[in-house]
C-alpha atoms as a PDB file:
ATOM      1  CA  UNK A   1     117.600  64.679 132.433  1.00  0.00           C
ATOM      2  CA  UNK A   2     115.656  63.480 129.276  1.00  0.00           C
ATOM      3  CA  UNK A   3     112.741  65.299 130.168  1.00  0.00           C
ATOM      4  CA  UNK A   4     114.096  68.742 130.690  1.00  0.00           C
ATOM      5  CA  UNK A   5     115.731  68.125 127.144  1.00  0.00           C
ATOM      6  CA  UNK A   6     112.445  67.452 125.770  1.00  0.00           C
ATOM      7  CA  UNK A   7     110.733  70.169 127.811  1.00  0.00           C
ATOM      8  CA  UNK A   8     113.103  72.762 126.821  1.00  0.00           C
ATOM      9  CA  UNK A   9     113.490  71.706 123.416  1.00  0.00           C
ATOM     10  CA  UNK A  10     109.895  72.081 122.661  1.00  0.00           C
ATOM     11  CA  UNK A  11     110.272  75.867 124.136  1.00  0.00           C
ATOM     12  CA  UNK A  12     112.950  76.362 121.477  1.00  0.00           C
ATOM     13  CA  UNK A  13     110.748  75.188 118.796  1.00  0.00           C
ATOM     14  CA  UNK A  14     107.465  77.297 119.846  1.00  0.00           C
ATOM     15  CA  UNK A  15     110.181  80.473 120.044  1.00  0.00           C
ATOM     16  CA  UNK A  16     111.480  79.589 116.541  1.00  0.00           C
ATOM     17  CA  UNK A  17     108.560  79.374 115.224  1.00  0.00           C
ATOM     18  CA  UNK A  18     107.634  83.212 116.403  1.00  0.00           C
ATOM     19  CA  UNK A  19     111.660  84.115 115.309  1.00  0.00           C
ATOM     20  CA  UNK A  20     110.990  82.921 112.020  1.00  0.00           C
ATOM     21  CA  UNK A  21     107.199  84.691 111.488  1.00  0.00           C
ATOM     22  CA  UNK A  22     108.240  87.762 113.054  1.00  0.00           C
ATOM     23  CA  UNK A  23     111.631  88.555 112.986  1.00  0.00           C
ATOM     24  CA  UNK A  24     112.508  87.990 116.935  1.00  0.00           C
ATOM     25  CA  UNK A  25     115.152  86.154 118.732  1.00  0.00           C
ATOM     26  CA  UNK A  26     112.395  84.358 120.753  1.00  0.00           C
ATOM     27  CA  UNK A  27     113.443  85.591 124.059  1.00  0.00           C
ATOM     28  CA  UNK A  28     109.937  86.863 124.535  1.00  0.00           C
ATOM     29  CA  UNK A  29     108.774  82.712 124.646  1.00  0.00           C
ATOM     30  CA  UNK A  30     112.010  81.338 126.057  1.00  0.00           C
ATOM     31  CA  UNK A  31     112.579  84.255 129.388  1.00  0.00           C
ATOM     32  CA  UNK A  32     108.400  83.292 130.352  1.00  0.00           C
ATOM     33  CA  UNK A  33     108.876  79.615 129.834  1.00  0.00           C
ATOM     34  CA  UNK A  34     112.312  79.100 131.724  1.00  0.00           C
ATOM     35  CA  UNK A  35     110.436  80.928 134.437  1.00  0.00           C
ATOM     36  CA  UNK A  36     107.476  79.166 134.912  1.00  0.00           C
ATOM     37  CA  UNK A  37     108.323  75.411 133.538  1.00  0.00           C
ATOM     38  CA  UNK A  38     112.100  75.633 134.495  1.00  0.00           C
ATOM     39  CA  UNK A  39     111.843  77.356 137.703  1.00  0.00           C
ATOM     40  CA  UNK A  40     114.833  80.307 136.730  1.00  0.00           C
ATOM     41  CA  UNK A  41     114.486  83.011 138.208  1.00  0.00           C
ATOM     42  CA  UNK A  42     114.208  86.395 136.021  1.00  0.00           C
ATOM     43  CA  UNK A  43     117.765  87.574 135.693  1.00  0.00           C
ATOM     44  CA  UNK A  44     118.820  83.956 134.977  1.00  0.00           C
ATOM     45  CA  UNK A  45     116.248  83.333 132.613  1.00  0.00           C
ATOM     46  CA  UNK A  46     117.440  86.553 130.690  1.00  0.00           C
ATOM     47  CA  UNK A  47     120.994  85.535 130.731  1.00  0.00           C
ATOM     48  CA  UNK A  48     120.232  81.513 129.681  1.00  0.00           C
ATOM     49  CA  UNK A  49     118.160  82.993 127.068  1.00  0.00           C
ATOM     50  CA  UNK A  50     120.873  85.667 125.679  1.00  0.00           C
ATOM     51  CA  UNK A  51     123.101  82.769 125.401  1.00  0.00           C
ATOM     52  CA  UNK A  52     120.786  81.025 123.150  1.00  0.00           C
ATOM     53  CA  UNK A  53     120.409  83.732 121.152  1.00  0.00           C
ATOM     54  CA  UNK A  54     124.105  84.247 120.806  1.00  0.00           C
ATOM     55  CA  UNK A  55     124.307  81.258 118.507  1.00  0.00           C
ATOM     56  CA  UNK A  56     123.525  81.611 114.637  1.00  0.00           C
ATOM     57  CA  UNK A  57     120.072  80.087 115.610  1.00  0.00           C
ATOM     58  CA  UNK A  58     117.936  82.039 112.951  1.00  0.00           C
ATOM     59  CA  UNK A  59     120.767  80.976 110.152  1.00  0.00           C
ATOM     60  CA  UNK A  60     117.722  78.613 108.091  1.00  0.00           C
ATOM     61  CA  UNK A  61     115.329  80.998 108.397  1.00  0.00           C
ATOM     62  CA  UNK A  62     117.988  84.004 107.239  1.00  0.00           C
ATOM     63  CA  UNK A  63     118.901  81.655 104.552  1.00  0.00           C
ATOM     64  CA  UNK A  64     115.301  81.482 103.238  1.00  0.00           C
ATOM     65  CA  UNK A  65     114.772  84.907 103.304  1.00  0.00           C
ATOM     66  CA  UNK A  66     117.934  86.084 101.539  1.00  0.00           C
ATOM     67  CA  UNK A  67     117.031  83.620  98.459  1.00  0.00           C
ATOM     68  CA  UNK A  68     113.666  85.578  98.461  1.00  0.00           C
ATOM     69  CA  UNK A  69     115.480  88.574  98.175  1.00  0.00           C
ATOM     70  CA  UNK A  70     113.862  89.776 101.400  1.00  0.00           C
ATOM     71  CA  UNK A  71     116.713  90.894 103.630  1.00  0.00           C
ATOM     72  CA  UNK A  72     118.080  95.030 103.819  1.00  0.00           C
ATOM     73  CA  UNK A  73     121.785  93.112 104.184  1.00  0.00           C
ATOM     74  CA  UNK A  74     123.150  96.957 104.754  1.00  0.00           C
ATOM     75  CA  UNK A  75     120.614  98.025 107.425  1.00  0.00           C
ATOM     76  CA  UNK A  76     120.889  94.583 109.111  1.00  0.00           C
ATOM     77  CA  UNK A  77     124.770  95.248 109.457  1.00  0.00           C
ATOM     78  CA  UNK A  78     124.254  98.649 110.951  1.00  0.00           C
ATOM     79  CA  UNK A  79     120.956  97.186 113.457  1.00  0.00           C
ATOM     80  CA  UNK A  80     123.744  94.398 114.381  1.00  0.00           C
ATOM     81  CA  UNK A  81     126.305  97.258 115.305  1.00  0.00           C
ATOM     82  CA  UNK A  82     123.446  99.000 117.290  1.00  0.00           C
ATOM     83  CA  UNK A  83     122.321  95.865 119.038  1.00  0.00           C
ATOM     84  CA  UNK A  84     126.207  95.071 120.216  1.00  0.00           C
ATOM     85  CA  UNK A  85     126.653  98.423 121.620  1.00  0.00           C
ATOM     86  CA  UNK A  86     123.287  98.515 123.340  1.00  0.00           C
ATOM     87  CA  UNK A  87     123.058  94.992 124.905  1.00  0.00           C
ATOM     88  CA  UNK A  88     125.426  95.765 127.754  1.00  0.00           C
ATOM     89  CA  UNK A  89     123.629  98.787 129.239  1.00  0.00           C
ATOM     90  CA  UNK A  90     120.877  97.307 129.140  1.00  0.00           C
ATOM     91  CA  UNK A  91     122.290  94.006 130.409  1.00  0.00           C
ATOM     92  CA  UNK A  92     123.787  96.136 133.379  1.00  0.00           C
ATOM     93  CA  UNK A  93     120.546  97.851 134.135  1.00  0.00           C
ATOM     94  CA  UNK A  94     119.245  94.555 134.449  1.00  0.00           C
ATOM     95  CA  UNK A  95     121.002  93.303 137.047  1.00  0.00           C
ATOM     96  CA  UNK A  96     121.759  96.354 139.353  1.00  0.00           C
ATOM     97  CA  UNK A  97     118.458  98.082 139.203  1.00  0.00           C
ATOM     98  CA  UNK A  98     114.473  97.603 139.044  1.00  0.00           C
ATOM     99  CA  UNK A  99     112.955  97.719 135.712  1.00  0.00           C
ATOM    100  CA  UNK A 100     109.148  97.370 136.120  1.00  0.00           C
ATOM    101  CA  UNK A 101     108.331 100.774 134.781  1.00  0.00           C
ATOM    102  CA  UNK A 102     110.151 100.416 131.674  1.00  0.00           C
ATOM    103  CA  UNK A 103     108.591  97.009 130.939  1.00  0.00           C
ATOM    104  CA  UNK A 104     104.615  99.248 131.414  1.00  0.00           C
ATOM    105  CA  UNK A 105     106.050 101.627 129.043  1.00  0.00           C
ATOM    106  CA  UNK A 106     107.153  99.318 126.707  1.00  0.00           C
ATOM    107  CA  UNK A 107     104.391  97.137 126.733  1.00  0.00           C
ATOM    108  CA  UNK A 108     102.153 100.685 126.011  1.00  0.00           C
ATOM    109  CA  UNK A 109     104.891 101.118 122.868  1.00  0.00           C
ATOM    110  CA  UNK A 110     103.802  97.859 121.927  1.00  0.00           C
ATOM    111  CA  UNK A 111     100.373  98.599 122.175  1.00  0.00           C
ATOM    112  CA  UNK A 112     100.635 101.425 120.542  1.00  0.00           C
ATOM    113  CA  UNK A 113     102.143 100.031 117.658  1.00  0.00           C
ATOM    114  CA  UNK A 114      99.749  96.937 117.092  1.00  0.00           C
ATOM    115  CA  UNK A 115      97.019  99.613 116.924  1.00  0.00           C
ATOM    116  CA  UNK A 116      98.694 100.956 114.266  1.00  0.00           C
ATOM    117  CA  UNK A 117      98.895  97.957 112.127  1.00  0.00           C
ATOM    118  CA  UNK A 118      95.555  97.024 112.871  1.00  0.00           C
ATOM    119  CA  UNK A 119      94.149 100.172 112.081  1.00  0.00           C
ATOM    120  CA  UNK A 120      90.727  99.373 113.904  1.00  0.00           C
ATOM    121  CA  UNK A 121      88.686 102.161 113.107  1.00  0.00           C
ATOM    122  CA  UNK A 122      89.691 101.328 109.386  1.00  0.00           C
ATOM    123  CA  UNK A 123      88.869  98.011 109.967  1.00  0.00           C
ATOM    124  CA  UNK A 124      85.344  99.254 110.987  1.00  0.00           C
ATOM    125  CA  UNK A 125      84.759 101.564 108.445  1.00  0.00           C
ATOM    126  CA  UNK A 126      85.124  98.891 105.971  1.00  0.00           C
ATOM    127  CA  UNK A 127      83.908  95.697 107.468  1.00  0.00           C
ATOM    128  CA  UNK A 128      80.806  96.984 109.388  1.00  0.00           C
ATOM    129  CA  UNK A 129      80.192 100.297 107.438  1.00  0.00           C
ATOM    130  CA  UNK A 130      81.160  99.114 104.268  1.00  0.00           C
ATOM    131  CA  UNK A 131      83.009 102.255 103.926  1.00  0.00           C
ATOM    132  CA  UNK A 132      86.574 102.330 102.123  1.00  0.00           C
ATOM    133  CA  UNK A 133      89.464 104.460 103.653  1.00  0.00           C
ATOM    134  CA  UNK A 134      90.578 107.606 102.089  1.00  0.00           C
ATOM    135  CA  UNK A 135      93.819 106.528 100.252  1.00  0.00           C
ATOM    136  CA  UNK A 136      96.848 108.142 101.793  1.00  0.00           C
ATOM    137  CA  UNK A 137      99.126 109.793  99.350  1.00  0.00           C
ATOM    138  CA  UNK A 138     102.936 109.260 100.100  1.00  0.00           C
ATOM    139  CA  UNK A 139     105.732 111.030  98.676  1.00  0.00           C
ATOM    140  CA  UNK A 140     108.000 107.941  99.035  1.00  0.00           C
ATOM    141  CA  UNK A 141     108.215 105.730  96.080  1.00  0.00           C
ATOM    142  CA  UNK A 142     107.904 102.288  97.283  1.00  0.00           C
ATOM    143  CA  UNK A 143     110.750 100.566  97.662  1.00  0.00           C
ATOM    144  CA  UNK A 144     113.232 103.301  97.406  1.00  0.00           C
ATOM    145  CA  UNK A 145     115.819 103.902 100.618  1.00  0.00           C
ATOM    146  CA  UNK A 146     115.397 107.775 101.629  1.00  0.00           C
ATOM    147  CA  UNK A 147     116.886 107.664 104.763  1.00  0.00           C
ATOM    148  CA  UNK A 148     121.015 107.398 106.722  1.00  0.00           C
ATOM    149  CA  UNK A 149     121.359 103.782 107.407  1.00  0.00           C
ATOM    150  CA  UNK A 150     123.159 105.603 110.321  1.00  0.00           C
ATOM    151  CA  UNK A 151     119.714 106.289 111.956  1.00  0.00           C
ATOM    152  CA  UNK A 152     119.872 102.241 111.981  1.00  0.00           C
ATOM    153  CA  UNK A 153     122.605 102.520 114.406  1.00  0.00           C
ATOM    154  CA  UNK A 154     120.195 104.132 116.881  1.00  0.00           C
ATOM    155  CA  UNK A 155     117.629 101.944 116.449  1.00  0.00           C
ATOM    156  CA  UNK A 156     119.802  98.953 116.917  1.00  0.00           C
ATOM    157  CA  UNK A 157     121.062 100.455 120.214  1.00  0.00           C
ATOM    158  CA  UNK A 158     117.594 100.778 121.545  1.00  0.00           C
ATOM    159  CA  UNK A 159     116.737  97.107 120.658  1.00  0.00           C
ATOM    160  CA  UNK A 160     120.132  96.363 122.313  1.00  0.00           C
ATOM    161  CA  UNK A 161     119.364  97.967 125.371  1.00  0.00           C
ATOM    162  CA  UNK A 162     115.897  96.413 125.876  1.00  0.00           C
ATOM    163  CA  UNK A 163     117.881  93.109 124.799  1.00  0.00           C
ATOM    164  CA  UNK A 164     119.449  93.279 127.464  1.00  0.00           C
ATOM    165  CA  UNK A 165     117.163  94.064 130.008  1.00  0.00           C
ATOM    166  CA  UNK A 166     114.680  90.657 128.688  1.00  0.00           C
ATOM    167  CA  UNK A 167     116.587  88.745 127.588  1.00  0.00           C
ATOM    168  CA  UNK A 168     114.958  89.082 123.742  1.00  0.00           C
ATOM    169  CA  UNK A 169     116.763  89.291 120.829  1.00  0.00           C
ATOM    170  CA  UNK A 170     115.356  92.746 119.990  1.00  0.00           C
ATOM    171  CA  UNK A 171     113.103  92.149 117.187  1.00  0.00           C
ATOM    172  CA  UNK A 172     110.050  92.896 118.929  1.00  0.00           C
ATOM    173  CA  UNK A 173     111.897  97.166 118.586  1.00  0.00           C
ATOM    174  CA  UNK A 174     113.043  96.409 115.116  1.00  0.00           C
ATOM    175  CA  UNK A 175     110.415  95.544 112.821  1.00  0.00           C
ATOM    176  CA  UNK A 176     107.554  97.730 114.258  1.00  0.00           C
ATOM    177  CA  UNK A 177     110.358 100.508 113.206  1.00  0.00           C
ATOM    178  CA  UNK A 178     111.321  99.148 110.428  1.00  0.00           C
ATOM    179  CA  UNK A 179     107.642  99.230 109.122  1.00  0.00           C
ATOM    180  CA  UNK A 180     106.449 102.447 110.856  1.00  0.00           C
ATOM    181  CA  UNK A 181     109.107 104.701 110.511  1.00  0.00           C
ATOM    182  CA  UNK A 182     111.472 103.493 107.527  1.00  0.00           C
ATOM    183  CA  UNK A 183     108.498 101.983 105.381  1.00  0.00           C
ATOM    184  CA  UNK A 184     109.859  98.559 105.026  1.00  0.00           C
ATOM    185  CA  UNK A 185     107.605  96.068 103.461  1.00  0.00           C
ATOM    186  CA  UNK A 186     106.566  93.621 106.730  1.00  0.00           C
ATOM    187  CA  UNK A 187     108.523  90.336 105.346  1.00  0.00           C
ATOM    188  CA  UNK A 188     111.402  92.604 104.216  1.00  0.00           C
ATOM    189  CA  UNK A 189     111.816  94.029 108.053  1.00  0.00           C
ATOM    190  CA  UNK A 190     110.913  90.639 109.195  1.00  0.00           C
ATOM    191  CA  UNK A 191     114.064  88.803 107.524  1.00  0.00           C
ATOM    192  CA  UNK A 192     116.150  92.315 107.875  1.00  0.00           C
ATOM    193  CA  UNK A 193     115.778  92.021 111.415  1.00  0.00           C
ATOM    194  CA  UNK A 194     116.890  88.193 111.614  1.00  0.00           C
ATOM    195  CA  UNK A 195     120.233  88.669 109.540  1.00  0.00           C
ATOM    196  CA  UNK A 196     121.025  91.630 112.364  1.00  0.00           C
ATOM    197  CA  UNK A 197     120.277  89.284 115.104  1.00  0.00           C
ATOM    198  CA  UNK A 198     121.932  86.359 113.311  1.00  0.00           C
ATOM    199  CA  UNK A 199     125.645  87.628 114.330  1.00  0.00           C
ATOM    200  CA  UNK A 200     126.639  87.346 118.099  1.00  0.00           C
ATOM    201  CA  UNK A 201     125.195  90.811 118.785  1.00  0.00           C
ATOM    202  CA  UNK A 202     124.485  89.698 122.648  1.00  0.00           C
ATOM    203  CA  UNK A 203     128.155  88.686 123.250  1.00  0.00           C
ATOM    204  CA  UNK A 204     128.542  91.691 125.853  1.00  0.00           C
ATOM    205  CA  UNK A 205     125.577  91.575 127.493  1.00  0.00           C
ATOM    206  CA  UNK A 206     126.080  87.377 127.739  1.00  0.00           C
ATOM    207  CA  UNK A 207     129.628  88.314 129.341  1.00  0.00           C
ATOM    208  CA  UNK A 208     127.912  90.686 131.989  1.00  0.00           C
ATOM    209  CA  UNK A 209     125.552  87.939 132.748  1.00  0.00           C
ATOM    210  CA  UNK A 210     128.514  85.558 133.399  1.00  0.00           C
ATOM    211  CA  UNK A 211     130.143  87.289 135.455  1.00  0.00           C
ATOM    212  CA  UNK A 212     127.546  87.515 137.559  1.00  0.00           C
ATOM    213  CA  UNK A 213     126.482  83.968 137.572  1.00  0.00           C
ATOM    214  CA  UNK A 214     123.587  83.770 136.072  1.00  0.00           C
ATOM    215  CA  UNK A 215     123.449  81.570 132.990  1.00  0.00           C
ATOM    216  CA  UNK A 216     122.370  77.887 132.427  1.00  0.00           C
ATOM    217  CA  UNK A 217     124.676  76.767 129.155  1.00  0.00           C
ATOM    218  CA  UNK A 218     122.883  73.644 129.789  1.00  0.00           C
ATOM    219  CA  UNK A 219     119.013  74.547 129.642  1.00  0.00           C
ATOM    220  CA  UNK A 220     120.421  76.736 126.818  1.00  0.00           C
ATOM    221  CA  UNK A 221     121.515  73.738 124.477  1.00  0.00           C
ATOM    222  CA  UNK A 222     118.671  71.973 123.523  1.00  0.00           C
ATOM    223  CA  UNK A 223     116.524  75.811 123.770  1.00  0.00           C
ATOM    224  CA  UNK A 224     119.057  76.411 120.998  1.00  0.00           C
ATOM    225  CA  UNK A 225     118.578  73.280 119.095  1.00  0.00           C
ATOM    226  CA  UNK A 226     114.994  73.848 119.057  1.00  0.00           C
ATOM    227  CA  UNK A 227     114.883  77.211 117.580  1.00  0.00           C
ATOM    228  CA  UNK A 228     117.447  76.737 115.094  1.00  0.00           C
ATOM    229  CA  UNK A 229     114.355  74.143 113.972  1.00  0.00           C
ATOM    230  CA  UNK A 230     111.331  76.542 114.544  1.00  0.00           C
ATOM    231  CA  UNK A 231     112.688  79.347 112.983  1.00  0.00           C
ATOM    232  CA  UNK A 232     113.134  77.678 109.764  1.00  0.00           C
ATOM    233  CA  UNK A 233     109.231  76.445 109.802  1.00  0.00           C
ATOM    234  CA  UNK A 234     108.087  80.275 111.051  1.00  0.00           C
ATOM    235  CA  UNK A 235     109.887  81.569 108.040  1.00  0.00           C
ATOM    236  CA  UNK A 236     108.194  79.065 105.975  1.00  0.00           C
ATOM    237  CA  UNK A 237     104.927  80.318 106.996  1.00  0.00           C
ATOM    238  CA  UNK A 238     105.795  83.674 106.586  1.00  0.00           C
ATOM    239  CA  UNK A 239     107.378  83.580 103.071  1.00  0.00           C
ATOM    240  CA  UNK A 240     104.224  81.923 101.893  1.00  0.00           C
ATOM    241  CA  UNK A 241     101.834  84.408 102.915  1.00  0.00           C
ATOM    242  CA  UNK A 242     100.691  88.041 101.992  1.00  0.00           C
ATOM    243  CA  UNK A 243     102.656  90.530 103.553  1.00  0.00           C
ATOM    244  CA  UNK A 244      99.183  92.129 104.329  1.00  0.00           C
ATOM    245  CA  UNK A 245      98.417  88.858 106.161  1.00  0.00           C
ATOM    246  CA  UNK A 246     101.656  88.659 108.083  1.00  0.00           C
ATOM    247  CA  UNK A 247     101.282  92.296 109.294  1.00  0.00           C
ATOM    248  CA  UNK A 248      97.959  91.908 110.668  1.00  0.00           C
ATOM    249  CA  UNK A 249      98.615  88.784 112.557  1.00  0.00           C
ATOM    250  CA  UNK A 250     102.013  90.434 113.552  1.00  0.00           C
ATOM    251  CA  UNK A 251      99.495  93.262 115.424  1.00  0.00           C
ATOM    252  CA  UNK A 252      98.224  90.716 117.150  1.00  0.00           C
ATOM    253  CA  UNK A 253     101.579  88.965 118.457  1.00  0.00           C
ATOM    254  CA  UNK A 254     102.310  92.790 119.165  1.00  0.00           C
ATOM    255  CA  UNK A 255      99.175  93.260 121.341  1.00  0.00           C
ATOM    256  CA  UNK A 256      99.692  90.362 123.535  1.00  0.00           C
ATOM    257  CA  UNK A 257     103.157  91.317 123.938  1.00  0.00           C
ATOM    258  CA  UNK A 258     102.220  94.283 125.222  1.00  0.00           C
ATOM    259  CA  UNK A 259      99.670  93.099 127.732  1.00  0.00           C
ATOM    260  CA  UNK A 260     102.509  90.385 128.646  1.00  0.00           C
ATOM    261  CA  UNK A 261     104.944  93.229 129.261  1.00  0.00           C
ATOM    262  CA  UNK A 262     102.580  95.570 130.913  1.00  0.00           C
ATOM    263  CA  UNK A 263     101.465  92.745 133.179  1.00  0.00           C
ATOM    264  CA  UNK A 264     105.265  91.310 133.605  1.00  0.00           C
ATOM    265  CA  UNK A 265     106.005  95.215 135.078  1.00  0.00           C
ATOM    266  CA  UNK A 266     103.746  95.495 137.017  1.00  0.00           C
ATOM    267  CA  UNK A 267     103.919  92.468 139.455  1.00  0.00           C
END
């Protein structure tokens, strides 16, 4: 009894650190860990992960980001609405049809976003050839919100579908889109994503997995405690770093996750 609690607590802490650093729910750690360490099936791991993320496990991290004014509360609210609407569809898809092809496509999407974040060509020119990249002229004023917040609902729905399918919080979708399309500062994108995931947006998915008897509440509790503690650690690390450094670390994280989803979808 004690061994399973400790193992799942450690899983939760590690997942929480990544959640606080990158604005994700932590499901990308929880799901494979439950499969390989606790003998869960993919569907059981997805459902149990959503139970963990249903709890306000990121509240300490959200408080830290909010104090630093790194959360767009209005955007987070609209994202939460979309997540709530989309997660049920994803859960139904996961339970009823194979999703390997979508996993591969999603992995490719993450690799594409990682490539854009890393900008390896510019890095090569700057570090190897000692050339400075030509400055990009942007029309938008930094920090100006020149987009309809209703777009956030669409982003949230898409993230919610993948959340229900893969047992993830949805931050892997939300953060790259906020940075790449809506020009959010990296830290503010992370904080806003965590703010959206704080609400019980995964409830429809949890109910669907519960109806299919694919949940394990006993295992979810120690994982949730670990995520609560780990998210605060990750948030403090992220806030202490420069946005540029967070973006670089995040691009490497996306690269790993991209290959993970491609590999997961091909087996």
